[in-house]
């Protein structure tokens, strides 16, 4: 089984991972956008790059933040305008599966 890339980074470069994690927390804690919007934007940016792994991880986060399945789908479909089919083909299936499988506590 292939090891999770984040786990590899934590093991091989823990200080760098900690710094990245702190930066990420700072960006996501800003007050200009709500959490759902931030997750949808982030997923669209990652999908535009064809990063299915990141999209798969963030789809449940978007769901937990209140995003609907259609909002997740449309965020990824928006990448057609900047990246063509790359993001949709590589990321939409993974995002929808991850969204559908995500359990959201009430």
C-alpha atoms as a PDB file:
ATOM      1  CA  UNK A   1       0.000   0.000   0.000  1.00  0.00           C
ATOM      2  CA  UNK A   2       1.303   3.426  -0.942  1.00  0.00           C
ATOM      3  CA  UNK A   3       2.119   5.689   1.994  1.00  0.00           C
ATOM      4  CA  UNK A   4       0.237   8.969   2.409  1.00  0.00           C
ATOM      5  CA  UNK A   5       2.415  11.855   1.103  1.00  0.00           C
ATOM      6  CA  UNK A   6       1.575  13.976   4.141  1.00  0.00           C
ATOM      7  CA  UNK A   7       2.736  11.188   6.464  1.00  0.00           C
ATOM      8  CA  UNK A   8       6.001  11.023   4.529  1.00  0.00           C
ATOM      9  CA  UNK A   9       6.489  14.796   4.887  1.00  0.00           C
ATOM     10  CA  UNK A  10       5.785  14.610   8.625  1.00  0.00           C
ATOM     11  CA  UNK A  11       8.334  11.808   9.033  1.00  0.00           C
ATOM     12  CA  UNK A  12      11.007  13.261   6.765  1.00  0.00           C
ATOM     13  CA  UNK A  13      10.650  17.000   7.397  1.00  0.00           C
ATOM     14  CA  UNK A  14       8.678  17.565  10.597  1.00  0.00           C
ATOM     15  CA  UNK A  15       9.824  21.161  11.118  1.00  0.00           C
ATOM     16  CA  UNK A  16       8.830  22.116   7.601  1.00  0.00           C
ATOM     17  CA  UNK A  17       5.474  20.381   7.988  1.00  0.00           C
ATOM     18  CA  UNK A  18       4.848  22.230  11.260  1.00  0.00           C
ATOM     19  CA  UNK A  19       5.626  25.578   9.609  1.00  0.00           C
ATOM     20  CA  UNK A  20       3.363  24.773   6.656  1.00  0.00           C
ATOM     21  CA  UNK A  21       0.616  23.650   9.023  1.00  0.00           C
ATOM     22  CA  UNK A  22       0.809  26.919  10.984  1.00  0.00           C
ATOM     23  CA  UNK A  23       0.692  28.968   7.782  1.00  0.00           C
ATOM     24  CA  UNK A  24      -2.330  26.991   6.600  1.00  0.00           C
ATOM     25  CA  UNK A  25      -4.121  27.521   9.921  1.00  0.00           C
ATOM     26  CA  UNK A  26      -3.457  31.260   9.670  1.00  0.00           C
ATOM     27  CA  UNK A  27      -4.848  31.475   6.145  1.00  0.00           C
ATOM     28  CA  UNK A  28      -7.938  29.428   6.972  1.00  0.00           C
ATOM     29  CA  UNK A  29      -8.606  31.401  10.176  1.00  0.00           C
ATOM     30  CA  UNK A  30      -8.880  34.784   8.445  1.00  0.00           C
ATOM     31  CA  UNK A  31     -12.315  36.381   8.742  1.00  0.00           C
ATOM     32  CA  UNK A  32     -13.041  37.676   5.219  1.00  0.00           C
ATOM     33  CA  UNK A  33     -14.651  34.457   3.942  1.00  0.00           C
ATOM     34  CA  UNK A  34     -16.642  31.785   5.710  1.00  0.00           C
ATOM     35  CA  UNK A  35     -15.203  28.278   6.066  1.00  0.00           C
ATOM     36  CA  UNK A  36     -17.443  26.752   3.383  1.00  0.00           C
ATOM     37  CA  UNK A  37     -16.382  29.322   0.798  1.00  0.00           C
ATOM     38  CA  UNK A  38     -12.715  28.874   1.673  1.00  0.00           C
ATOM     39  CA  UNK A  39     -12.978  25.099   1.271  1.00  0.00           C
ATOM     40  CA  UNK A  40     -14.747  25.412  -2.093  1.00  0.00           C
ATOM     41  CA  UNK A  41     -12.169  27.903  -3.384  1.00  0.00           C
ATOM     42  CA  UNK A  42      -9.301  25.745  -2.153  1.00  0.00           C
ATOM     43  CA  UNK A  43     -10.774  22.651  -3.793  1.00  0.00           C
ATOM     44  CA  UNK A  44     -11.211  24.496  -7.081  1.00  0.00           C
ATOM     45  CA  UNK A  45      -7.604  25.745  -6.995  1.00  0.00           C
ATOM     46  CA  UNK A  46      -6.285  22.253  -6.276  1.00  0.00           C
ATOM     47  CA  UNK A  47      -8.544  20.728  -8.941  1.00  0.00           C
ATOM     48  CA  UNK A  48      -7.242  23.263 -11.466  1.00  0.00           C
ATOM     49  CA  UNK A  49      -3.807  21.768 -10.790  1.00  0.00           C
ATOM     50  CA  UNK A  50      -5.161  18.223 -11.053  1.00  0.00           C
ATOM     51  CA  UNK A  51      -4.446  17.449  -7.392  1.00  0.00           C
ATOM     52  CA  UNK A  52      -7.043  14.745  -6.717  1.00  0.00           C
ATOM     53  CA  UNK A  53      -5.457  13.885  -3.361  1.00  0.00           C
ATOM     54  CA  UNK A  54      -6.001  17.357  -1.936  1.00  0.00           C
ATOM     55  CA  UNK A  55      -9.506  17.538  -3.375  1.00  0.00           C
ATOM     56  CA  UNK A  56     -10.338  14.159  -1.835  1.00  0.00           C
ATOM     57  CA  UNK A  57      -9.133  15.343   1.587  1.00  0.00           C
ATOM     58  CA  UNK A  58     -10.979  18.665   1.416  1.00  0.00           C
ATOM     59  CA  UNK A  59     -14.346  17.410   0.110  1.00  0.00           C
ATOM     60  CA  UNK A  60     -15.355  16.099   3.556  1.00  0.00           C
ATOM     61  CA  UNK A  61     -14.121  19.351   5.104  1.00  0.00           C
ATOM     62  CA  UNK A  62     -16.326  21.298   2.705  1.00  0.00           C
ATOM     63  CA  UNK A  63     -19.271  19.068   3.600  1.00  0.00           C
ATOM     64  CA  UNK A  64     -18.622  19.608   7.317  1.00  0.00           C
ATOM     65  CA  UNK A  65     -18.562  23.360   6.653  1.00  0.00           C
ATOM     66  CA  UNK A  66     -22.024  23.142   5.065  1.00  0.00           C
ATOM     67  CA  UNK A  67     -21.240  22.756   1.361  1.00  0.00           C
ATOM     68  CA  UNK A  68     -23.735  20.779  -0.672  1.00  0.00           C
ATOM     69  CA  UNK A  69     -22.736  18.087  -3.142  1.00  0.00           C
ATOM     70  CA  UNK A  70     -23.762  20.421  -5.983  1.00  0.00           C
ATOM     71  CA  UNK A  71     -21.532  23.206  -4.619  1.00  0.00           C
ATOM     72  CA  UNK A  72     -18.550  20.841  -4.491  1.00  0.00           C
ATOM     73  CA  UNK A  73     -19.299  19.652  -8.009  1.00  0.00           C
ATOM     74  CA  UNK A  74     -19.670  23.164  -9.398  1.00  0.00           C
ATOM     75  CA  UNK A  75     -16.485  24.406  -7.703  1.00  0.00           C
ATOM     76  CA  UNK A  76     -14.581  21.707  -9.563  1.00  0.00           C
ATOM     77  CA  UNK A  77     -16.469  22.258 -12.816  1.00  0.00           C
ATOM     78  CA  UNK A  78     -15.414  25.926 -12.681  1.00  0.00           C
ATOM     79  CA  UNK A  79     -11.862  24.750 -13.335  1.00  0.00           C
ATOM     80  CA  UNK A  80     -12.893  24.021 -16.930  1.00  0.00           C
ATOM     81  CA  UNK A  81     -12.540  27.758 -17.553  1.00  0.00           C
ATOM     82  CA  UNK A  82      -8.876  27.878 -16.529  1.00  0.00           C
ATOM     83  CA  UNK A  83      -7.546  24.339 -16.863  1.00  0.00           C
ATOM     84  CA  UNK A  84      -9.707  22.568 -19.371  1.00  0.00           C
ATOM     85  CA  UNK A  85     -10.659  18.980 -18.630  1.00  0.00           C
ATOM     86  CA  UNK A  86      -7.597  18.163 -16.485  1.00  0.00           C
ATOM     87  CA  UNK A  87      -9.111  19.132 -13.132  1.00  0.00           C
ATOM     88  CA  UNK A  88     -12.545  17.741 -13.856  1.00  0.00           C
ATOM     89  CA  UNK A  89     -11.315  14.377 -15.128  1.00  0.00           C
ATOM     90  CA  UNK A  90      -8.740  13.894 -12.386  1.00  0.00           C
ATOM     91  CA  UNK A  91     -10.635  15.373  -9.438  1.00  0.00           C
ATOM     92  CA  UNK A  92     -14.408  15.308  -9.814  1.00  0.00           C
ATOM     93  CA  UNK A  93     -14.863  11.554  -9.282  1.00  0.00           C
ATOM     94  CA  UNK A  94     -12.623  11.523  -6.194  1.00  0.00           C
ATOM     95  CA  UNK A  95     -14.321  14.597  -4.732  1.00  0.00           C
ATOM     96  CA  UNK A  96     -17.815  13.214  -5.134  1.00  0.00           C
ATOM     97  CA  UNK A  97     -16.904   9.825  -3.674  1.00  0.00           C
ATOM     98  CA  UNK A  98     -15.190  11.486  -0.703  1.00  0.00           C
ATOM     99  CA  UNK A  99     -18.155  13.820  -0.227  1.00  0.00           C
ATOM    100  CA  UNK A 100     -20.674  10.983  -0.389  1.00  0.00           C
ATOM    101  CA  UNK A 101     -18.690   8.864   2.086  1.00  0.00           C
ATOM    102  CA  UNK A 102     -18.061  11.684   4.561  1.00  0.00           C
ATOM    103  CA  UNK A 103     -19.907  11.397   7.832  1.00  0.00           C
ATOM    104  CA  UNK A 104     -20.842  14.778   9.214  1.00  0.00           C
ATOM    105  CA  UNK A 105     -21.614  15.001  12.920  1.00  0.00           C
ATOM    106  CA  UNK A 106     -24.565  17.128  13.828  1.00  0.00           C
END
